[in-house]
Each structure stands twice: as structure tokens, then as C-alpha cells.
């Protein structure tokens, strides 16, 4: 697993790490607004990412495994 800053992110959280997560998901191709709040839309998009890239646990929570996989996939696209 790739190293990512911070820990697990979920509903109700806000700030720079959530904004970074949203920006990464948007860069990957998900139509997600970047506003820094982990809202229902963010949870749904994280769940969609997990359904495709990490089927072992689809819960809409951006844990370290989910975030690390997203970071790795973004790096591989370059």
C-alpha cells in the first residue's frame, strides 16, 4: 500500500485532506466538486471507486488502503 497523509476520512469531516481526496477523485475522472466537506456526494463517489478498484470492502469511507490505491492509480496515469 502506498503511503498517504492522514488517516481514515469519512462523513462529517472537513478540511484540507478531504479537499485533497476530492481533487484526486475529480482528477481520476469522477464528477466531484472540490469543497473540503465529506458529504453524501463524496461518500457515494468513494463507494463507486471502491466498487471498481477495491471490492473487498465498499463502505464509502476513504481509509488508507482506498486513498493509497487512488494515489497509485493517479501516478500510473502520468
PDB file of N, CA and C in Angstrom:
ATOM      1  N   UNK A   1       0.851  -1.186   0.000  1.00  0.00           N
ATOM      2  CA  UNK A   1       0.000   0.000   0.000  1.00  0.00           C
ATOM      3  C   UNK A   1       0.884   1.231   0.000  1.00  0.00           C
ATOM      4  N   UNK A   2       0.461   2.227  -0.733  1.00  0.00           N
ATOM      5  CA  UNK A   2       1.197   3.476  -0.797  1.00  0.00           C
ATOM      6  C   UNK A   2       0.927   4.318   0.439  1.00  0.00           C
ATOM      7  N   UNK A   3       1.925   5.102   0.829  1.00  0.00           N
ATOM      8  CA  UNK A   3       1.762   5.992   1.980  1.00  0.00           C
ATOM      9  C   UNK A   3       0.954   7.221   1.568  1.00  0.00           C
ATOM     10  N   UNK A   4       0.004   7.589   2.401  1.00  0.00           N
ATOM     11  CA  UNK A   4      -0.777   8.807   2.192  1.00  0.00           C
ATOM     12  C   UNK A   4      -0.848   9.557   3.510  1.00  0.00           C
ATOM     13  N   UNK A   5      -0.977  10.868   3.425  1.00  0.00           N
ATOM     14  CA  UNK A   5      -1.030  11.700   4.625  1.00  0.00           C
ATOM     15  C   UNK A   5      -2.351  11.513   5.343  1.00  0.00           C
ATOM     16  N   UNK A   6      -2.304  11.571   6.659  1.00  0.00           N
ATOM     17  CA  UNK A   6      -3.523  11.497   7.454  1.00  0.00           C
ATOM     18  C   UNK A   6      -4.014  10.078   7.613  1.00  0.00           C
ATOM     19  N   UNK A   7      -5.193   9.960   8.162  1.00  0.00           N
ATOM     20  CA  UNK A   7      -5.780   8.648   8.394  1.00  0.00           C
ATOM     21  C   UNK A   7      -7.042   8.470   7.597  1.00  0.00           C
ATOM     22  N   UNK A   8      -7.950   7.805   8.191  1.00  0.00           N
ATOM     23  CA  UNK A   8      -9.234   7.481   7.589  1.00  0.00           C
ATOM     24  C   UNK A   8     -10.107   8.737   7.517  1.00  0.00           C
ATOM     25  N   UNK A   9     -10.777   8.932   6.390  1.00  0.00           N
ATOM     26  CA  UNK A   9     -11.671  10.076   6.209  1.00  0.00           C
ATOM     27  C   UNK A   9     -13.091   9.576   5.977  1.00  0.00           C
ATOM     28  N   UNK A  10     -14.045  10.251   6.605  1.00  0.00           N
ATOM     29  CA  UNK A  10     -15.433   9.837   6.451  1.00  0.00           C
ATOM     30  C   UNK A  10     -16.404  10.982   6.601  1.00  0.00           C
ATOM     31  N   UNK A  11     -17.690  10.662   6.515  1.00  0.00           N
ATOM     32  CA  UNK A  11     -18.743  11.679   6.578  1.00  0.00           C
ATOM     33  C   UNK A  11     -18.614  12.589   7.803  1.00  0.00           C
ATOM     34  N   UNK A  12     -18.878  13.867   7.558  1.00  0.00           N
ATOM     35  CA  UNK A  12     -18.832  14.856   8.628  1.00  0.00           C
ATOM     36  C   UNK A  12     -17.478  15.524   8.780  1.00  0.00           C
ATOM     37  N   UNK A  13     -16.453  14.956   8.176  1.00  0.00           N
ATOM     38  CA  UNK A  13     -15.134  15.558   8.288  1.00  0.00           C
ATOM     39  C   UNK A  13     -14.972  16.651   7.244  1.00  0.00           C
ATOM     40  N   UNK A  14     -14.025  17.540   7.493  1.00  0.00           N
ATOM     41  CA  UNK A  14     -13.771  18.622   6.547  1.00  0.00           C
ATOM     42  C   UNK A  14     -12.319  19.051   6.672  1.00  0.00           C
ATOM     43  N   UNK A  15     -11.887  19.812   5.689  1.00  0.00           N
ATOM     44  CA  UNK A  15     -10.530  20.341   5.733  1.00  0.00           C
ATOM     45  C   UNK A  15      -9.715  19.971   4.519  1.00  0.00           C
ATOM     46  N   UNK A  16      -8.444  20.246   4.628  1.00  0.00           N
ATOM     47  CA  UNK A  16      -7.509  20.090   3.519  1.00  0.00           C
ATOM     48  C   UNK A  16      -7.410  18.646   3.024  1.00  0.00           C
ATOM     49  N   UNK A  17      -7.383  17.669   3.929  1.00  0.00           N
ATOM     50  CA  UNK A  17      -7.264  16.283   3.494  1.00  0.00           C
ATOM     51  C   UNK A  17      -8.491  15.839   2.699  1.00  0.00           C
ATOM     52  N   UNK A  18      -9.658  16.293   3.107  1.00  0.00           N
ATOM     53  CA  UNK A  18     -10.882  15.971   2.354  1.00  0.00           C
ATOM     54  C   UNK A  18     -10.837  16.664   0.996  1.00  0.00           C
ATOM     55  N   UNK A  19     -10.400  17.900   0.984  1.00  0.00           N
ATOM     56  CA  UNK A  19     -10.269  18.635  -0.273  1.00  0.00           C
ATOM     57  C   UNK A  19      -9.295  17.927  -1.216  1.00  0.00           C
ATOM     58  N   UNK A  20      -8.175  17.458  -0.685  1.00  0.00           N
ATOM     59  CA  UNK A  20      -7.193  16.723  -1.497  1.00  0.00           C
ATOM     60  C   UNK A  20      -7.801  15.434  -2.052  1.00  0.00           C
ATOM     61  N   UNK A  21      -8.549  14.718  -1.232  1.00  0.00           N
ATOM     62  CA  UNK A  21      -9.220  13.494  -1.673  1.00  0.00           C
ATOM     63  C   UNK A  21     -10.190  13.804  -2.807  1.00  0.00           C
ATOM     64  N   UNK A  22     -11.004  14.829  -2.631  1.00  0.00           N
ATOM     65  CA  UNK A  22     -11.969  15.210  -3.664  1.00  0.00           C
ATOM     66  C   UNK A  22     -11.258  15.611  -4.958  1.00  0.00           C
ATOM     67  N   UNK A  23     -10.167  16.343  -4.843  1.00  0.00           N
ATOM     68  CA  UNK A  23      -9.408  16.758  -6.024  1.00  0.00           C
ATOM     69  C   UNK A  23      -8.822  15.537  -6.742  1.00  0.00           C
ATOM     70  N   UNK A  24      -8.329  14.586  -5.984  1.00  0.00           N
ATOM     71  CA  UNK A  24      -7.777  13.366  -6.588  1.00  0.00           C
ATOM     72  C   UNK A  24      -8.865  12.571  -7.299  1.00  0.00           C
ATOM     73  N   UNK A  25     -10.026  12.429  -6.676  1.00  0.00           N
ATOM     74  CA  UNK A  25     -11.131  11.711  -7.311  1.00  0.00           C
ATOM     75  C   UNK A  25     -11.597  12.430  -8.576  1.00  0.00           C
ATOM     76  N   UNK A  26     -11.635  13.748  -8.525  1.00  0.00           N
ATOM     77  CA  UNK A  26     -12.018  14.531  -9.710  1.00  0.00           C
ATOM     78  C   UNK A  26     -10.976  14.355 -10.813  1.00  0.00           C
ATOM     79  N   UNK A  27      -9.700  14.381 -10.450  1.00  0.00           N
ATOM     80  CA  UNK A  27      -8.630  14.198 -11.434  1.00  0.00           C
ATOM     81  C   UNK A  27      -8.682  12.811 -12.054  1.00  0.00           C
ATOM     82  N   UNK A  28      -9.167  11.849 -11.293  1.00  0.00           N
ATOM     83  CA  UNK A  28      -9.262  10.472 -11.790  1.00  0.00           C
ATOM     84  C   UNK A  28     -10.446  10.300 -12.742  1.00  0.00           C
ATOM     85  N   UNK A  29     -11.367  11.280 -12.722  1.00  0.00           N
ATOM     86  CA  UNK A  29     -12.464  11.239 -13.669  1.00  0.00           C
ATOM     87  C   UNK A  29     -13.853  11.231 -13.065  1.00  0.00           C
ATOM     88  N   UNK A  30     -13.931  11.231 -11.753  1.00  0.00           N
ATOM     89  CA  UNK A  30     -15.238  11.286 -11.106  1.00  0.00           C
ATOM     90  C   UNK A  30     -15.712  12.738 -11.065  1.00  0.00           C
ATOM     91  N   UNK A  31     -16.955  12.971 -11.388  1.00  0.00           N
ATOM     92  CA  UNK A  31     -17.504  14.323 -11.386  1.00  0.00           C
ATOM     93  C   UNK A  31     -17.831  14.781  -9.976  1.00  0.00           C
ATOM     94  N   UNK A  32     -16.832  15.167  -9.249  1.00  0.00           N
ATOM     95  CA  UNK A  32     -16.993  15.531  -7.845  1.00  0.00           C
ATOM     96  C   UNK A  32     -16.535  16.962  -7.636  1.00  0.00           C
ATOM     97  N   UNK A  33     -17.383  17.748  -6.965  1.00  0.00           N
ATOM     98  CA  UNK A  33     -16.988  19.117  -6.613  1.00  0.00           C
ATOM     99  C   UNK A  33     -15.969  19.077  -5.483  1.00  0.00           C
ATOM    100  N   UNK A  34     -15.006  19.971  -5.546  1.00  0.00           N
ATOM    101  CA  UNK A  34     -13.967  20.070  -4.513  1.00  0.00           C
ATOM    102  C   UNK A  34     -14.345  21.219  -3.594  1.00  0.00           C
ATOM    103  N   UNK A  35     -14.751  20.883  -2.359  1.00  0.00           N
ATOM    104  CA  UNK A  35     -15.170  21.918  -1.411  1.00  0.00           C
ATOM    105  C   UNK A  35     -14.700  21.640   0.008  1.00  0.00           C
ATOM    106  N   UNK A  36     -14.065  20.495   0.232  1.00  0.00           N
ATOM    107  CA  UNK A  36     -13.469  20.222   1.535  1.00  0.00           C
ATOM    108  C   UNK A  36     -14.379  19.665   2.600  1.00  0.00           C
ATOM    109  N   UNK A  37     -15.616  19.296   2.245  1.00  0.00           N
ATOM    110  CA  UNK A  37     -16.528  18.667   3.215  1.00  0.00           C
ATOM    111  C   UNK A  37     -16.847  17.249   2.752  1.00  0.00           C
ATOM    112  N   UNK A  38     -16.717  16.283   3.635  1.00  0.00           N
ATOM    113  CA  UNK A  38     -17.011  14.884   3.303  1.00  0.00           C
ATOM    114  C   UNK A  38     -18.516  14.691   3.442  1.00  0.00           C
ATOM    115  N   UNK A  39     -19.215  14.995   2.359  1.00  0.00           N
ATOM    116  CA  UNK A  39     -20.674  14.948   2.360  1.00  0.00           C
ATOM    117  C   UNK A  39     -21.170  13.653   1.703  1.00  0.00           C
ATOM    118  N   UNK A  40     -22.484  13.561   1.494  1.00  0.00           N
ATOM    119  CA  UNK A  40     -23.069  12.358   0.895  1.00  0.00           C
ATOM    120  C   UNK A  40     -22.528  12.106  -0.510  1.00  0.00           C
ATOM    121  N   UNK A  41     -22.310  13.177  -1.269  1.00  0.00           N
ATOM    122  CA  UNK A  41     -21.777  13.029  -2.619  1.00  0.00           C
ATOM    123  C   UNK A  41     -20.375  12.423  -2.584  1.00  0.00           C
ATOM    124  N   UNK A  42     -19.545  12.897  -1.674  1.00  0.00           N
ATOM    125  CA  UNK A  42     -18.185  12.371  -1.549  1.00  0.00           C
ATOM    126  C   UNK A  42     -18.227  10.904  -1.147  1.00  0.00           C
ATOM    127  N   UNK A  43     -19.078  10.569  -0.202  1.00  0.00           N
ATOM    128  CA  UNK A  43     -19.192   9.171   0.221  1.00  0.00           C
ATOM    129  C   UNK A  43     -19.635   8.286  -0.946  1.00  0.00           C
ATOM    130  N   UNK A  44     -20.576   8.758  -1.748  1.00  0.00           N
ATOM    131  CA  UNK A  44     -21.047   7.982  -2.893  1.00  0.00           C
ATOM    132  C   UNK A  44     -19.929   7.769  -3.917  1.00  0.00           C
ATOM    133  N   UNK A  45     -19.143   8.800  -4.165  1.00  0.00           N
ATOM    134  CA  UNK A  45     -18.058   8.686  -5.138  1.00  0.00           C
ATOM    135  C   UNK A  45     -16.964   7.762  -4.612  1.00  0.00           C
ATOM    136  N   UNK A  46     -16.637   7.870  -3.341  1.00  0.00           N
ATOM    137  CA  UNK A  46     -15.651   6.956  -2.757  1.00  0.00           C
ATOM    138  C   UNK A  46     -16.171   5.518  -2.870  1.00  0.00           C
ATOM    139  N   UNK A  47     -17.452   5.314  -2.606  1.00  0.00           N
ATOM    140  CA  UNK A  47     -18.039   3.983  -2.751  1.00  0.00           C
ATOM    141  C   UNK A  47     -17.953   3.473  -4.183  1.00  0.00           C
ATOM    142  N   UNK A  48     -18.190   4.339  -5.158  1.00  0.00           N
ATOM    143  CA  UNK A  48     -18.078   3.949  -6.565  1.00  0.00           C
ATOM    144  C   UNK A  48     -16.637   3.556  -6.896  1.00  0.00           C
ATOM    145  N   UNK A  49     -15.681   4.329  -6.400  1.00  0.00           N
ATOM    146  CA  UNK A  49     -14.265   3.998  -6.604  1.00  0.00           C
ATOM    147  C   UNK A  49     -13.961   2.626  -6.002  1.00  0.00           C
ATOM    148  N   UNK A  50     -14.432   2.397  -4.786  1.00  0.00           N
ATOM    149  CA  UNK A  50     -14.178   1.121  -4.118  1.00  0.00           C
ATOM    150  C   UNK A  50     -14.828  -0.042  -4.870  1.00  0.00           C
ATOM    151  N   UNK A  51     -16.033   0.148  -5.391  1.00  0.00           N
ATOM    152  CA  UNK A  51     -16.704  -0.928  -6.137  1.00  0.00           C
ATOM    153  C   UNK A  51     -15.876  -1.370  -7.336  1.00  0.00           C
ATOM    154  N   UNK A  52     -15.177  -0.439  -7.926  1.00  0.00           N
ATOM    155  CA  UNK A  52     -14.374  -0.768  -9.103  1.00  0.00           C
ATOM    156  C   UNK A  52     -12.962  -1.233  -8.745  1.00  0.00           C
ATOM    157  N   UNK A  53     -12.328  -0.583  -7.782  1.00  0.00           N
ATOM    158  CA  UNK A  53     -10.905  -0.804  -7.520  1.00  0.00           C
ATOM    159  C   UNK A  53     -10.596  -1.543  -6.221  1.00  0.00           C
ATOM    160  N   UNK A  54     -11.580  -1.681  -5.324  1.00  0.00           N
ATOM    161  CA  UNK A  54     -11.326  -2.407  -4.073  1.00  0.00           C
ATOM    162  C   UNK A  54     -12.624  -3.024  -3.574  1.00  0.00           C
ATOM    163  N   UNK A  55     -12.999  -4.126  -4.191  1.00  0.00           N
ATOM    164  CA  UNK A  55     -14.284  -4.749  -3.897  1.00  0.00           C
ATOM    165  C   UNK A  55     -14.348  -5.422  -2.526  1.00  0.00           C
ATOM    166  N   UNK A  56     -13.234  -5.636  -1.881  1.00  0.00           N
ATOM    167  CA  UNK A  56     -13.230  -6.335  -0.596  1.00  0.00           C
ATOM    168  C   UNK A  56     -14.057  -5.601   0.464  1.00  0.00           C
ATOM    169  N   UNK A  57     -14.080  -4.283   0.413  1.00  0.00           N
ATOM    170  CA  UNK A  57     -14.887  -3.507   1.356  1.00  0.00           C
ATOM    171  C   UNK A  57     -15.351  -2.232   0.669  1.00  0.00           C
ATOM    172  N   UNK A  58     -16.639  -2.174   0.405  1.00  0.00           N
ATOM    173  CA  UNK A  58     -17.241  -0.995  -0.224  1.00  0.00           C
ATOM    174  C   UNK A  58     -18.119  -0.332   0.823  1.00  0.00           C
ATOM    175  N   UNK A  59     -17.594   0.726   1.446  1.00  0.00           N
ATOM    176  CA  UNK A  59     -18.339   1.385   2.518  1.00  0.00           C
ATOM    177  C   UNK A  59     -18.374   2.906   2.378  1.00  0.00           C
ATOM    178  N   UNK A  60     -17.716   3.447   1.359  1.00  0.00           N
ATOM    179  CA  UNK A  60     -17.716   4.891   1.157  1.00  0.00           C
ATOM    180  C   UNK A  60     -16.815   5.655   2.103  1.00  0.00           C
ATOM    181  N   UNK A  61     -16.018   4.930   2.876  1.00  0.00           N
ATOM    182  CA  UNK A  61     -15.066   5.549   3.799  1.00  0.00           C
ATOM    183  C   UNK A  61     -13.690   5.510   3.159  1.00  0.00           C
ATOM    184  N   UNK A  62     -13.034   6.646   3.111  1.00  0.00           N
ATOM    185  CA  UNK A  62     -11.714   6.735   2.479  1.00  0.00           C
ATOM    186  C   UNK A  62     -10.642   6.346   3.485  1.00  0.00           C
ATOM    187  N   UNK A  63     -10.452   5.030   3.648  1.00  0.00           N
ATOM    188  CA  UNK A  63      -9.410   4.549   4.548  1.00  0.00           C
ATOM    189  C   UNK A  63      -8.062   4.614   3.843  1.00  0.00           C
ATOM    190  N   UNK A  64      -7.016   4.234   4.549  1.00  0.00           N
ATOM    191  CA  UNK A  64      -5.671   4.342   3.985  1.00  0.00           C
ATOM    192  C   UNK A  64      -5.502   3.477   2.739  1.00  0.00           C
ATOM    193  N   UNK A  65      -6.118   2.304   2.720  1.00  0.00           N
ATOM    194  CA  UNK A  65      -5.998   1.437   1.549  1.00  0.00           C
ATOM    195  C   UNK A  65      -6.652   2.078   0.318  1.00  0.00           C
ATOM    196  N   UNK A  66      -7.841   2.617   0.498  1.00  0.00           N
ATOM    197  CA  UNK A  66      -8.549   3.272  -0.601  1.00  0.00           C
ATOM    198  C   UNK A  66      -7.760   4.470  -1.105  1.00  0.00           C
ATOM    199  N   UNK A  67      -7.305   5.306  -0.206  1.00  0.00           N
ATOM    200  CA  UNK A  67      -6.571   6.509  -0.596  1.00  0.00           C
ATOM    201  C   UNK A  67      -5.230   6.169  -1.234  1.00  0.00           C
ATOM    202  N   UNK A  68      -4.571   5.149  -0.720  1.00  0.00           N
ATOM    203  CA  UNK A  68      -3.307   4.714  -1.297  1.00  0.00           C
ATOM    204  C   UNK A  68      -3.484   4.169  -2.702  1.00  0.00           C
ATOM    205  N   UNK A  69      -4.540   3.404  -2.913  1.00  0.00           N
ATOM    206  CA  UNK A  69      -4.812   2.860  -4.248  1.00  0.00           C
ATOM    207  C   UNK A  69      -5.090   3.993  -5.235  1.00  0.00           C
ATOM    208  N   UNK A  70      -5.879   4.982  -4.806  1.00  0.00           N
ATOM    209  CA  UNK A  70      -6.173   6.124  -5.667  1.00  0.00           C
ATOM    210  C   UNK A  70      -4.888   6.868  -6.029  1.00  0.00           C
ATOM    211  N   UNK A  71      -4.031   7.103  -5.053  1.00  0.00           N
ATOM    212  CA  UNK A  71      -2.761   7.804  -5.306  1.00  0.00           C
ATOM    213  C   UNK A  71      -1.899   7.024  -6.293  1.00  0.00           C
ATOM    214  N   UNK A  72      -1.827   5.718  -6.134  1.00  0.00           N
ATOM    215  CA  UNK A  72      -1.028   4.893  -7.031  1.00  0.00           C
ATOM    216  C   UNK A  72      -1.587   4.924  -8.451  1.00  0.00           C
ATOM    217  N   UNK A  73      -2.898   4.806  -8.581  1.00  0.00           N
ATOM    218  CA  UNK A  73      -3.513   4.833  -9.904  1.00  0.00           C
ATOM    219  C   UNK A  73      -3.312   6.177 -10.601  1.00  0.00           C
ATOM    220  N   UNK A  74      -3.373   7.253  -9.849  1.00  0.00           N
ATOM    221  CA  UNK A  74      -3.119   8.575 -10.438  1.00  0.00           C
ATOM    222  C   UNK A  74      -1.680   8.695 -10.923  1.00  0.00           C
ATOM    223  N   UNK A  75      -0.736   8.179 -10.155  1.00  0.00           N
ATOM    224  CA  UNK A  75       0.669   8.229 -10.563  1.00  0.00           C
ATOM    225  C   UNK A  75       0.901   7.402 -11.825  1.00  0.00           C
ATOM    226  N   UNK A  76       0.221   6.261 -11.922  1.00  0.00           N
ATOM    227  CA  UNK A  76       0.404   5.377 -13.074  1.00  0.00           C
ATOM    228  C   UNK A  76      -0.180   5.969 -14.350  1.00  0.00           C
ATOM    229  N   UNK A  77      -1.110   6.888 -14.230  1.00  0.00           N
ATOM    230  CA  UNK A  77      -1.734   7.502 -15.407  1.00  0.00           C
ATOM    231  C   UNK A  77      -0.829   8.512 -16.088  1.00  0.00           C
ATOM    232  N   UNK A  78       0.175   8.976 -15.383  1.00  0.00           N
ATOM    233  CA  UNK A  78       1.041  10.032 -15.921  1.00  0.00           C
ATOM    234  C   UNK A  78       1.984   9.470 -16.968  1.00  0.00           C
TER     235      UNK A  78
END
